[in-house]
Each structure stands twice: as C-alpha cells, then as structure tokens.
Amino acid sequence: MTSVAVAAATSPDVPKTVKGTPRWGDWALRIVAGLVLLYLFLPIFVIVLFSFNKPAGKFNYTWQEFTFDNWTHPFKYPDLTAALKLSLNVAAVSTAVALVLGTLVAIALVRQRFRGQKAVDTFLVLPLTAPEVVMGASLLTLFLDLGWATGYVTILIAHIAFEVSFIAMTVRARVRGFDWTLEDASMDLGASPTRTFFKVTLPLIVPGIVAAAMLSFALSLDDFIITYFVSGSTVTYPLYVNAAVKAAVPPQINVLATAILVISLVLLMAGTLYRRKRIDA
C-alpha cells in the first residue's frame, strides 16, 4: 500500500464544502427562511393569542387582559356554532363524495390510455387555475338557469366541483409510482378484480388518498368566495366571520379557529406517527 493510500485511509472524514461559498451566505439564507416562516405563522399566532383575550367591547381587535373565560364558553353564540356545524357538515360530505370521484379519475388517467385524455387533463386543471370569482359566478349562473334555489345543496355541489380536481391531482401523483404488475400477480393467484383493488391497490395508495382528503376538507372548510356566490341565505363559518367584521367580532371566533387548528395538528401528527410505525414494522 502506498503512502498516499495509507494517509487517505487513516485521515478522518472531513465533510466537503462548496468552494467559493462564503459563510455569511448560509446565515443570510437561514435568516431569510426564518423571516418567511415568521411571516406565514404570525397571523396564526395572533389568532391563538387573541382567543385568550378579554375585549372591552364587541370587537376583539386590541389586547386587554388574559382570560380563560372564552375557552370555558366556546359555544356562547348559537349562530356562530350553527355556522361552524354547517361548514363541518359540508366539508365532510363534499370530501367523501369528491374523494371517491377524484380517486377513480386519478386511477383511470394513470392506468388507461384513451382518446381525449389530454382534454380531460386540461379540464381537470381548470378548476385549480381559474379564479374563484369566475368559478363562483359560473356556478351561480348555472344554478339560476336550472331554476335551483341556492342553499345547502348548491354549496355542496360547488365544493365537490373544485375538490375533485385537487383530489385527482394529489392521488394521481401517488398512483403514478404504482407497480401495476402487483395487480396482475394477485389476479393470477385467483383474486377477483374487486378483491385485488381492495386488498392490493387501495392499501398502497392510501397515503395519497388520506393526504388528498385532508387537503380537500381544509379547502372546503376555508372556502369563502365560491360559497359566497352559491350560498343564498345559508351561512357557513367563513361567511359568518366576514359578516361579523361589520357588527361584532367575539373572541369565540378565535377560540373555534384555534380548536380547529389544534385538532388538525393532532390528526397530522397521528397520521405521521402511524406511517412511521408501519415503515418501521
């Protein structure tokens, strides 16, 4: 062994650095990233903080004093509670329907090749790229032309309309890496196509479906513009908050928003831990 080889074998491993990159550049990048994260999370921090505020008047805009009274009476205002329940109901039902439709569309687009597939892809992306004002006005025009009264049903249909695209694109990204020979092997062993789908295909694409469902639920719960066009006299949680800005902003709005945030984080952490446990197993 030559002296060069001996020196290379005995020398400690030194991490390589990019030549010509100044150290202050790394710090600048970290500072910029930190400022961006602060910009993103500061409004959320304010919402959580003001859920513990005791406002002097009707508007919970200025900090007065710390209190837990808001959390002991989160459903103090019946109209606010009813609006939240309606939003949760719409989000749950629309997500369930859109999840089935979007998942089937994603599987069909990846697995099958047919004439007009590019056109279907284009129409699938349109709800993602079109302004919500345009989509809301279009849906309202459609419902009025059909003679439908705007309300719960029209809100549900409108939410399903834009959720299908989000779900299909999310699940499609997961399905693209799927090994379709596993289905062939399952059916070669005697399993029916239905049993193959539920025992082989579905379990492998579940992470993508869960991610799509969470995204769809959040988008439905948060939607304001499209819902504003097709809601009629029906009031969802975002519509109530928008109307409350002109009359009164009780701290219970912040309490319920914080509760939704905490529940979402808990579900996200539970899903992450479950996935890690399955990977380790």
C-alpha atoms as a PDB file:
ATOM      1  CA  MET A   1       0.000   0.000   0.000  1.00  0.00           C
ATOM      2  CA  THR A   2       1.436   3.354  -0.979  1.00  0.00           C
ATOM      3  CA  SER A   3       1.922   6.210   1.445  1.00  0.00           C
ATOM      4  CA  VAL A   4      -0.868   8.143  -0.274  1.00  0.00           C
ATOM      5  CA  ALA A   5      -3.327   5.284   0.246  1.00  0.00           C
ATOM      6  CA  VAL A   6      -2.273   4.915   3.901  1.00  0.00           C
ATOM      7  CA  ALA A   7      -2.777   8.619   4.502  1.00  0.00           C
ATOM      8  CA  ALA A   8      -6.202   8.524   2.841  1.00  0.00           C
ATOM      9  CA  ALA A   9      -7.250   5.517   4.924  1.00  0.00           C
ATOM     10  CA  THR A  10      -6.100   6.970   8.241  1.00  0.00           C
ATOM     11  CA  SER A  11      -7.243  10.558   7.731  1.00  0.00           C
ATOM     12  CA  PRO A  12     -10.579  11.457   9.354  1.00  0.00           C
ATOM     13  CA  ASP A  13     -13.571  12.058   7.137  1.00  0.00           C
ATOM     14  CA  VAL A  14     -13.939  15.774   6.660  1.00  0.00           C
ATOM     15  CA  PRO A  15     -17.253  16.981   5.276  1.00  0.00           C
ATOM     16  CA  LYS A  16     -16.851  18.593   1.925  1.00  0.00           C
ATOM     17  CA  THR A  17     -17.873  22.191   1.472  1.00  0.00           C
ATOM     18  CA  VAL A  18     -18.742  24.051  -1.671  1.00  0.00           C
ATOM     19  CA  LYS A  19     -15.740  26.127  -2.652  1.00  0.00           C
ATOM     20  CA  GLY A  20     -16.286  29.810  -3.065  1.00  0.00           C
ATOM     21  CA  THR A  21     -19.417  29.908  -0.873  1.00  0.00           C
ATOM     22  CA  PRO A  22     -18.964  32.444   1.945  1.00  0.00           C
ATOM     23  CA  ARG A  23     -20.161  31.514   5.390  1.00  0.00           C
ATOM     24  CA  TRP A  24     -22.295  34.647   5.634  1.00  0.00           C
ATOM     25  CA  GLY A  25     -24.335  33.315   2.716  1.00  0.00           C
ATOM     26  CA  ASP A  26     -25.558  30.384   4.818  1.00  0.00           C
ATOM     27  CA  TRP A  27     -26.549  32.701   7.639  1.00  0.00           C
ATOM     28  CA  ALA A  28     -28.326  35.047   5.238  1.00  0.00           C
ATOM     29  CA  LEU A  29     -30.276  32.124   3.796  1.00  0.00           C
ATOM     30  CA  ARG A  30     -31.293  30.969   7.272  1.00  0.00           C
ATOM     31  CA  ILE A  31     -32.374  34.461   8.270  1.00  0.00           C
ATOM     32  CA  VAL A  32     -34.494  34.849   5.132  1.00  0.00           C
ATOM     33  CA  ALA A  33     -36.073  31.421   5.702  1.00  0.00           C
ATOM     34  CA  GLY A  34     -36.814  32.352   9.313  1.00  0.00           C
ATOM     35  CA  LEU A  35     -38.428  35.652   8.278  1.00  0.00           C
ATOM     36  CA  VAL A  36     -40.586  33.857   5.700  1.00  0.00           C
ATOM     37  CA  LEU A  37     -41.748  31.334   8.309  1.00  0.00           C
ATOM     38  CA  LEU A  38     -42.452  34.181  10.740  1.00  0.00           C
ATOM     39  CA  TYR A  39     -44.486  35.944   8.083  1.00  0.00           C
ATOM     40  CA  LEU A  40     -46.506  32.770   7.475  1.00  0.00           C
ATOM     41  CA  PHE A  41     -47.122  31.812  11.100  1.00  0.00           C
ATOM     42  CA  LEU A  42     -47.548  35.253  12.699  1.00  0.00           C
ATOM     43  CA  PRO A  43     -51.271  35.539  11.784  1.00  0.00           C
ATOM     44  CA  ILE A  44     -51.887  32.079  13.247  1.00  0.00           C
ATOM     45  CA  PHE A  45     -50.082  33.087  16.430  1.00  0.00           C
ATOM     46  CA  VAL A  46     -52.260  36.218  16.693  1.00  0.00           C
ATOM     47  CA  ILE A  47     -55.438  34.149  16.301  1.00  0.00           C
ATOM     48  CA  VAL A  48     -54.362  31.783  19.063  1.00  0.00           C
ATOM     49  CA  LEU A  49     -53.241  34.636  21.328  1.00  0.00           C
ATOM     50  CA  PHE A  50     -56.462  36.623  20.982  1.00  0.00           C
ATOM     51  CA  SER A  51     -58.534  33.559  21.840  1.00  0.00           C
ATOM     52  CA  PHE A  52     -57.373  34.269  25.410  1.00  0.00           C
ATOM     53  CA  ASN A  53     -58.183  37.980  25.240  1.00  0.00           C
ATOM     54  CA  LYS A  54     -60.943  39.713  27.175  1.00  0.00           C
ATOM     55  CA  PRO A  55     -62.092  42.508  24.872  1.00  0.00           C
ATOM     56  CA  ALA A  56     -63.566  45.687  26.289  1.00  0.00           C
ATOM     57  CA  GLY A  57     -66.214  45.996  23.572  1.00  0.00           C
ATOM     58  CA  LYS A  58     -67.725  43.991  20.726  1.00  0.00           C
ATOM     59  CA  PHE A  59     -64.545  43.770  18.664  1.00  0.00           C
ATOM     60  CA  ASN A  60     -61.666  41.523  19.633  1.00  0.00           C
ATOM     61  CA  TYR A  61     -59.009  43.640  17.939  1.00  0.00           C
ATOM     62  CA  THR A  62     -56.920  45.113  20.774  1.00  0.00           C
ATOM     63  CA  TRP A  63     -55.342  43.226  23.660  1.00  0.00           C
ATOM     64  CA  GLN A  64     -56.913  43.945  27.050  1.00  0.00           C
ATOM     65  CA  GLU A  65     -56.195  41.147  29.511  1.00  0.00           C
ATOM     66  CA  PHE A  66     -55.601  37.400  29.665  1.00  0.00           C
ATOM     67  CA  THR A  67     -58.575  35.159  30.452  1.00  0.00           C
ATOM     68  CA  PHE A  68     -59.766  31.571  30.097  1.00  0.00           C
ATOM     69  CA  ASP A  69     -63.448  32.554  30.022  1.00  0.00           C
ATOM     70  CA  ASN A  70     -63.599  32.352  26.241  1.00  0.00           C
ATOM     71  CA  TRP A  71     -62.499  28.712  26.311  1.00  0.00           C
ATOM     72  CA  THR A  72     -64.984  27.792  29.018  1.00  0.00           C
ATOM     73  CA  HIS A  73     -67.822  29.104  26.829  1.00  0.00           C
ATOM     74  CA  PRO A  74     -66.751  28.342  23.233  1.00  0.00           C
ATOM     75  CA  PHE A  75     -70.369  27.908  22.030  1.00  0.00           C
ATOM     76  CA  LYS A  76     -71.701  31.073  23.619  1.00  0.00           C
ATOM     77  CA  TYR A  77     -73.140  32.373  20.344  1.00  0.00           C
ATOM     78  CA  PRO A  78     -75.656  29.952  18.765  1.00  0.00           C
ATOM     79  CA  ASP A  79     -75.398  31.489  15.279  1.00  0.00           C
ATOM     80  CA  LEU A  80     -71.629  31.074  15.273  1.00  0.00           C
ATOM     81  CA  THR A  81     -71.932  27.476  16.439  1.00  0.00           C
ATOM     82  CA  ALA A  82     -74.560  26.713  13.798  1.00  0.00           C
ATOM     83  CA  ALA A  83     -72.344  28.211  11.081  1.00  0.00           C
ATOM     84  CA  LEU A  84     -69.398  26.089  12.194  1.00  0.00           C
ATOM     85  CA  LYS A  85     -71.519  22.927  12.283  1.00  0.00           C
ATOM     86  CA  LEU A  86     -72.764  23.651   8.768  1.00  0.00           C
ATOM     87  CA  SER A  87     -69.222  24.184   7.479  1.00  0.00           C
ATOM     88  CA  LEU A  88     -68.057  20.930   9.044  1.00  0.00           C
ATOM     89  CA  ASN A  89     -71.044  19.114   7.566  1.00  0.00           C
ATOM     90  CA  VAL A  90     -70.424  20.499   4.077  1.00  0.00           C
ATOM     91  CA  ALA A  91     -66.708  19.763   4.304  1.00  0.00           C
ATOM     92  CA  ALA A  92     -67.272  16.175   5.448  1.00  0.00           C
ATOM     93  CA  VAL A  93     -69.952  15.296   2.883  1.00  0.00           C
ATOM     94  CA  SER A  94     -68.272  17.029  -0.055  1.00  0.00           C
ATOM     95  CA  THR A  95     -64.921  15.459   0.792  1.00  0.00           C
ATOM     96  CA  ALA A  96     -66.441  11.975   0.974  1.00  0.00           C
ATOM     97  CA  VAL A  97     -68.121  12.330  -2.433  1.00  0.00           C
ATOM     98  CA  ALA A  98     -65.174  14.075  -4.101  1.00  0.00           C
ATOM     99  CA  LEU A  99     -62.750  11.524  -2.661  1.00  0.00           C
ATOM    100  CA  VAL A 100     -64.495   8.651  -4.431  1.00  0.00           C
ATOM    101  CA  LEU A 101     -64.835  10.513  -7.727  1.00  0.00           C
ATOM    102  CA  GLY A 102     -61.342  12.019  -7.661  1.00  0.00           C
ATOM    103  CA  THR A 103     -59.650   8.739  -6.773  1.00  0.00           C
ATOM    104  CA  LEU A 104     -61.395   6.875  -9.588  1.00  0.00           C
ATOM    105  CA  VAL A 105     -60.496   9.637 -12.049  1.00  0.00           C
ATOM    106  CA  ALA A 106     -56.841   9.545 -10.963  1.00  0.00           C
ATOM    107  CA  ILE A 107     -56.609   5.766 -11.354  1.00  0.00           C
ATOM    108  CA  ALA A 108     -58.306   5.894 -14.755  1.00  0.00           C
ATOM    109  CA  LEU A 109     -55.993   8.631 -16.072  1.00  0.00           C
ATOM    110  CA  VAL A 110     -52.847   6.810 -14.974  1.00  0.00           C
ATOM    111  CA  ARG A 111     -53.840   3.257 -15.820  1.00  0.00           C
ATOM    112  CA  GLN A 112     -55.806   3.725 -19.030  1.00  0.00           C
ATOM    113  CA  ARG A 113     -54.885   5.298 -22.359  1.00  0.00           C
ATOM    114  CA  PHE A 114     -57.809   6.670 -24.345  1.00  0.00           C
ATOM    115  CA  ARG A 115     -58.622   9.262 -26.969  1.00  0.00           C
ATOM    116  CA  GLY A 116     -59.198  12.698 -25.472  1.00  0.00           C
ATOM    117  CA  GLN A 117     -57.081  12.067 -22.385  1.00  0.00           C
ATOM    118  CA  LYS A 118     -55.219  15.353 -22.817  1.00  0.00           C
ATOM    119  CA  ALA A 119     -58.514  17.191 -22.964  1.00  0.00           C
ATOM    120  CA  VAL A 120     -59.578  15.528 -19.714  1.00  0.00           C
ATOM    121  CA  ASP A 121     -56.282  16.569 -18.138  1.00  0.00           C
ATOM    122  CA  THR A 122     -56.891  20.150 -19.216  1.00  0.00           C
ATOM    123  CA  PHE A 123     -60.411  20.242 -17.829  1.00  0.00           C
ATOM    124  CA  LEU A 124     -59.129  18.696 -14.601  1.00  0.00           C
ATOM    125  CA  VAL A 125     -56.620  21.505 -14.127  1.00  0.00           C
ATOM    126  CA  LEU A 126     -59.042  24.311 -14.990  1.00  0.00           C
ATOM    127  CA  PRO A 127     -60.695  24.490 -11.522  1.00  0.00           C
ATOM    128  CA  LEU A 128     -57.215  24.782  -9.994  1.00  0.00           C
ATOM    129  CA  THR A 129     -56.122  27.646 -12.230  1.00  0.00           C
ATOM    130  CA  ALA A 130     -59.364  29.558 -12.793  1.00  0.00           C
ATOM    131  CA  PRO A 131     -60.038  32.452 -10.391  1.00  0.00           C
ATOM    132  CA  GLU A 132     -62.549  31.556  -7.709  1.00  0.00           C
ATOM    133  CA  VAL A 133     -64.647  34.591  -8.656  1.00  0.00           C
ATOM    134  CA  VAL A 134     -65.069  33.193 -12.158  1.00  0.00           C
ATOM    135  CA  MET A 135     -65.948  29.728 -10.903  1.00  0.00           C
ATOM    136  CA  GLY A 136     -68.375  31.059  -8.310  1.00  0.00           C
ATOM    137  CA  ALA A 137     -70.150  33.298 -10.819  1.00  0.00           C
ATOM    138  CA  SER A 138     -70.300  30.458 -13.372  1.00  0.00           C
ATOM    139  CA  LEU A 139     -71.828  28.046 -10.890  1.00  0.00           C
ATOM    140  CA  LEU A 140     -74.336  30.646  -9.750  1.00  0.00           C
ATOM    141  CA  THR A 141     -75.379  31.251 -13.359  1.00  0.00           C
ATOM    142  CA  LEU A 142     -75.756  27.503 -13.886  1.00  0.00           C
ATOM    143  CA  PHE A 143     -77.917  27.059 -10.785  1.00  0.00           C
ATOM    144  CA  LEU A 144     -80.117  30.032 -11.708  1.00  0.00           C
ATOM    145  CA  ASP A 145     -80.564  28.735 -15.266  1.00  0.00           C
ATOM    146  CA  LEU A 146     -81.629  25.370 -13.847  1.00  0.00           C
ATOM    147  CA  GLY A 147     -84.069  27.103 -11.508  1.00  0.00           C
ATOM    148  CA  TRP A 148     -82.404  25.789  -8.351  1.00  0.00           C
ATOM    149  CA  ALA A 149     -82.703  27.720  -5.124  1.00  0.00           C
ATOM    150  CA  THR A 150     -79.272  28.481  -3.687  1.00  0.00           C
ATOM    151  CA  GLY A 151     -78.540  26.956  -0.313  1.00  0.00           C
ATOM    152  CA  TYR A 152     -77.033  23.840   1.230  1.00  0.00           C
ATOM    153  CA  VAL A 153     -77.321  21.672  -1.899  1.00  0.00           C
ATOM    154  CA  THR A 154     -75.733  24.242  -4.198  1.00  0.00           C
ATOM    155  CA  ILE A 155     -72.885  24.812  -1.725  1.00  0.00           C
ATOM    156  CA  LEU A 156     -72.312  21.062  -1.602  1.00  0.00           C
ATOM    157  CA  ILE A 157     -72.259  20.722  -5.391  1.00  0.00           C
ATOM    158  CA  ALA A 158     -69.917  23.700  -5.760  1.00  0.00           C
ATOM    159  CA  HIS A 159     -67.469  22.324  -3.215  1.00  0.00           C
ATOM    160  CA  ILE A 160     -67.464  18.899  -4.834  1.00  0.00           C
ATOM    161  CA  ALA A 161     -66.802  20.559  -8.195  1.00  0.00           C
ATOM    162  CA  PHE A 162     -63.476  22.078  -7.151  1.00  0.00           C
ATOM    163  CA  GLU A 163     -62.466  19.386  -4.671  1.00  0.00           C
ATOM    164  CA  VAL A 164     -62.489  16.640  -7.315  1.00  0.00           C
ATOM    165  CA  SER A 165     -59.626  18.325  -9.151  1.00  0.00           C
ATOM    166  CA  PHE A 166     -57.478  18.705  -6.033  1.00  0.00           C
ATOM    167  CA  ILE A 167     -58.076  15.107  -5.013  1.00  0.00           C
ATOM    168  CA  ALA A 168     -57.495  13.702  -8.504  1.00  0.00           C
ATOM    169  CA  MET A 169     -54.182  15.551  -8.895  1.00  0.00           C
ATOM    170  CA  THR A 170     -52.976  14.529  -5.424  1.00  0.00           C
ATOM    171  CA  VAL A 171     -53.921  10.855  -5.776  1.00  0.00           C
ATOM    172  CA  ARG A 172     -52.580  10.813  -9.319  1.00  0.00           C
ATOM    173  CA  ALA A 173     -49.119  11.756  -8.070  1.00  0.00           C
ATOM    174  CA  ARG A 174     -49.245   8.742  -5.755  1.00  0.00           C
ATOM    175  CA  VAL A 175     -50.673   6.315  -8.324  1.00  0.00           C
ATOM    176  CA  ARG A 176     -48.023   7.169 -10.917  1.00  0.00           C
ATOM    177  CA  GLY A 177     -45.414   5.245  -8.950  1.00  0.00           C
ATOM    178  CA  PHE A 178     -47.641   2.220  -8.504  1.00  0.00           C
ATOM    179  CA  ASP A 179     -46.418  -1.145  -9.781  1.00  0.00           C
ATOM    180  CA  TRP A 180     -49.369  -2.492 -11.755  1.00  0.00           C
ATOM    181  CA  THR A 181     -47.756  -5.937 -12.018  1.00  0.00           C
ATOM    182  CA  LEU A 182     -48.854  -6.471  -8.413  1.00  0.00           C
ATOM    183  CA  GLU A 183     -52.456  -6.466  -9.602  1.00  0.00           C
ATOM    184  CA  ASP A 184     -51.608  -8.968 -12.328  1.00  0.00           C
ATOM    185  CA  ALA A 185     -49.920 -11.213  -9.783  1.00  0.00           C
ATOM    186  CA  SER A 186     -52.943 -11.008  -7.488  1.00  0.00           C
ATOM    187  CA  MET A 187     -55.368 -11.968 -10.244  1.00  0.00           C
ATOM    188  CA  ASP A 188     -53.040 -14.737 -11.435  1.00  0.00           C
ATOM    189  CA  LEU A 189     -53.357 -16.200  -7.941  1.00  0.00           C
ATOM    190  CA  GLY A 190     -57.127 -16.296  -8.276  1.00  0.00           C
ATOM    191  CA  ALA A 191     -58.259 -12.993  -6.778  1.00  0.00           C
ATOM    192  CA  SER A 192     -61.114 -11.157  -8.481  1.00  0.00           C
ATOM    193  CA  PRO A 193     -60.600  -7.599  -9.775  1.00  0.00           C
ATOM    194  CA  THR A 194     -62.685  -6.228  -6.906  1.00  0.00           C
ATOM    195  CA  ARG A 195     -60.752  -8.157  -4.277  1.00  0.00           C
ATOM    196  CA  THR A 196     -57.474  -7.136  -5.936  1.00  0.00           C
ATOM    197  CA  PHE A 197     -58.442  -3.474  -5.760  1.00  0.00           C
ATOM    198  CA  PHE A 198     -59.386  -3.544  -2.075  1.00  0.00           C
ATOM    199  CA  LYS A 199     -56.569  -5.861  -0.952  1.00  0.00           C
ATOM    200  CA  VAL A 200     -53.668  -4.727  -3.146  1.00  0.00           C
ATOM    201  CA  THR A 201     -54.241  -1.424  -4.930  1.00  0.00           C
ATOM    202  CA  LEU A 202     -56.142   0.532  -2.286  1.00  0.00           C
ATOM    203  CA  PRO A 203     -53.795  -0.141   0.676  1.00  0.00           C
ATOM    204  CA  LEU A 204     -50.797   1.008  -1.369  1.00  0.00           C
ATOM    205  CA  ILE A 205     -52.360   4.301  -2.423  1.00  0.00           C
ATOM    206  CA  VAL A 206     -53.993   5.059   0.934  1.00  0.00           C
ATOM    207  CA  PRO A 207     -51.323   7.656   1.936  1.00  0.00           C
ATOM    208  CA  GLY A 208     -52.146   9.679  -1.167  1.00  0.00           C
ATOM    209  CA  ILE A 209     -55.872   9.334  -0.543  1.00  0.00           C
ATOM    210  CA  VAL A 210     -55.540  10.461   3.078  1.00  0.00           C
ATOM    211  CA  ALA A 211     -53.442  13.465   2.054  1.00  0.00           C
ATOM    212  CA  ALA A 212     -55.995  14.368  -0.611  1.00  0.00           C
ATOM    213  CA  ALA A 213     -58.863  14.029   1.865  1.00  0.00           C
ATOM    214  CA  MET A 214     -57.182  16.309   4.412  1.00  0.00           C
ATOM    215  CA  LEU A 215     -56.444  18.905   1.731  1.00  0.00           C
ATOM    216  CA  SER A 216     -59.985  18.723   0.389  1.00  0.00           C
ATOM    217  CA  PHE A 217     -61.542  19.045   3.843  1.00  0.00           C
ATOM    218  CA  ALA A 218     -59.397  22.079   4.670  1.00  0.00           C
ATOM    219  CA  LEU A 219     -60.192  23.771   1.349  1.00  0.00           C
ATOM    220  CA  SER A 220     -63.919  23.222   1.814  1.00  0.00           C
ATOM    221  CA  LEU A 221     -63.890  24.473   5.399  1.00  0.00           C
ATOM    222  CA  ASP A 222     -61.899  27.551   4.384  1.00  0.00           C
ATOM    223  CA  ASP A 223     -63.679  28.466   1.146  1.00  0.00           C
ATOM    224  CA  PHE A 224     -65.353  31.866   1.083  1.00  0.00           C
ATOM    225  CA  ILE A 225     -65.548  33.263  -2.460  1.00  0.00           C
ATOM    226  CA  ILE A 226     -67.278  30.353  -4.221  1.00  0.00           C
ATOM    227  CA  THR A 227     -69.530  29.758  -1.215  1.00  0.00           C
ATOM    228  CA  TYR A 228     -70.472  33.435  -1.159  1.00  0.00           C
ATOM    229  CA  PHE A 229     -71.879  33.173  -4.692  1.00  0.00           C
ATOM    230  CA  VAL A 230     -73.917  29.986  -4.226  1.00  0.00           C
ATOM    231  CA  SER A 231     -74.934  30.139  -0.557  1.00  0.00           C
ATOM    232  CA  GLY A 232     -78.090  32.257  -0.767  1.00  0.00           C
ATOM    233  CA  SER A 233     -79.270  32.805   2.802  1.00  0.00           C
ATOM    234  CA  THR A 234     -77.239  29.871   4.144  1.00  0.00           C
ATOM    235  CA  VAL A 235     -74.368  30.992   6.378  1.00  0.00           C
ATOM    236  CA  THR A 236     -71.173  28.975   6.738  1.00  0.00           C
ATOM    237  CA  TYR A 237     -68.350  29.706   9.163  1.00  0.00           C
ATOM    238  CA  PRO A 238     -66.274  31.873   6.753  1.00  0.00           C
ATOM    239  CA  LEU A 239     -69.399  33.820   5.754  1.00  0.00           C
ATOM    240  CA  TYR A 240     -70.272  34.397   9.408  1.00  0.00           C
ATOM    241  CA  VAL A 241     -66.788  35.683  10.169  1.00  0.00           C
ATOM    242  CA  ASN A 242     -66.955  38.037   7.187  1.00  0.00           C
ATOM    243  CA  ALA A 243     -70.312  39.423   8.335  1.00  0.00           C
ATOM    244  CA  ALA A 244     -69.143  39.655  11.948  1.00  0.00           C
ATOM    245  CA  VAL A 245     -66.383  42.089  10.981  1.00  0.00           C
ATOM    246  CA  LYS A 246     -69.051  44.745  10.400  1.00  0.00           C
ATOM    247  CA  ALA A 247     -71.080  44.134  13.568  1.00  0.00           C
ATOM    248  CA  ALA A 248     -69.086  42.341  16.265  1.00  0.00           C
ATOM    249  CA  VAL A 249     -66.061  40.052  16.487  1.00  0.00           C
ATOM    250  CA  PRO A 250     -66.366  37.920  19.630  1.00  0.00           C
ATOM    251  CA  PRO A 251     -63.304  36.041  20.911  1.00  0.00           C
ATOM    252  CA  GLN A 252     -65.194  32.775  20.387  1.00  0.00           C
ATOM    253  CA  ILE A 253     -64.335  33.103  16.690  1.00  0.00           C
ATOM    254  CA  ASN A 254     -60.664  32.837  17.645  1.00  0.00           C
ATOM    255  CA  VAL A 255     -61.425  30.014  20.076  1.00  0.00           C
ATOM    256  CA  LEU A 256     -63.138  27.856  17.468  1.00  0.00           C
ATOM    257  CA  ALA A 257     -60.472  28.641  14.870  1.00  0.00           C
ATOM    258  CA  THR A 258     -57.756  27.654  17.345  1.00  0.00           C
ATOM    259  CA  ALA A 259     -59.626  24.454  18.210  1.00  0.00           C
ATOM    260  CA  ILE A 260     -59.813  23.516  14.521  1.00  0.00           C
ATOM    261  CA  LEU A 261     -56.085  24.228  14.177  1.00  0.00           C
ATOM    262  CA  VAL A 262     -55.200  22.066  17.185  1.00  0.00           C
ATOM    263  CA  ILE A 263     -57.381  19.182  16.001  1.00  0.00           C
ATOM    264  CA  SER A 264     -55.799  19.368  12.540  1.00  0.00           C
ATOM    265  CA  LEU A 265     -52.291  19.279  14.012  1.00  0.00           C
ATOM    266  CA  VAL A 266     -53.196  16.320  16.224  1.00  0.00           C
ATOM    267  CA  LEU A 267     -54.575  14.385  13.250  1.00  0.00           C
ATOM    268  CA  LEU A 268     -51.495  15.253  11.200  1.00  0.00           C
ATOM    269  CA  MET A 269     -49.159  14.078  13.964  1.00  0.00           C
ATOM    270  CA  ALA A 270     -51.172  10.892  14.443  1.00  0.00           C
ATOM    271  CA  GLY A 271     -51.007  10.148  10.728  1.00  0.00           C
ATOM    272  CA  THR A 272     -47.259  10.785  10.646  1.00  0.00           C
ATOM    273  CA  LEU A 273     -46.633   8.516  13.630  1.00  0.00           C
ATOM    274  CA  TYR A 274     -48.819   5.803  12.113  1.00  0.00           C
ATOM    275  CA  ARG A 275     -46.892   5.923   8.843  1.00  0.00           C
ATOM    276  CA  ARG A 276     -43.566   5.765  10.670  1.00  0.00           C
ATOM    277  CA  LYS A 277     -44.785   2.824  12.701  1.00  0.00           C
ATOM    278  CA  ARG A 278     -45.813   0.959   9.545  1.00  0.00           C
ATOM    279  CA  ILE A 279     -42.447   1.703   7.916  1.00  0.00           C
ATOM    280  CA  ASP A 280     -40.522   0.505  10.987  1.00  0.00           C
ATOM    281  CA  ALA A 281     -42.653  -2.621  11.162  1.00  0.00           C
END
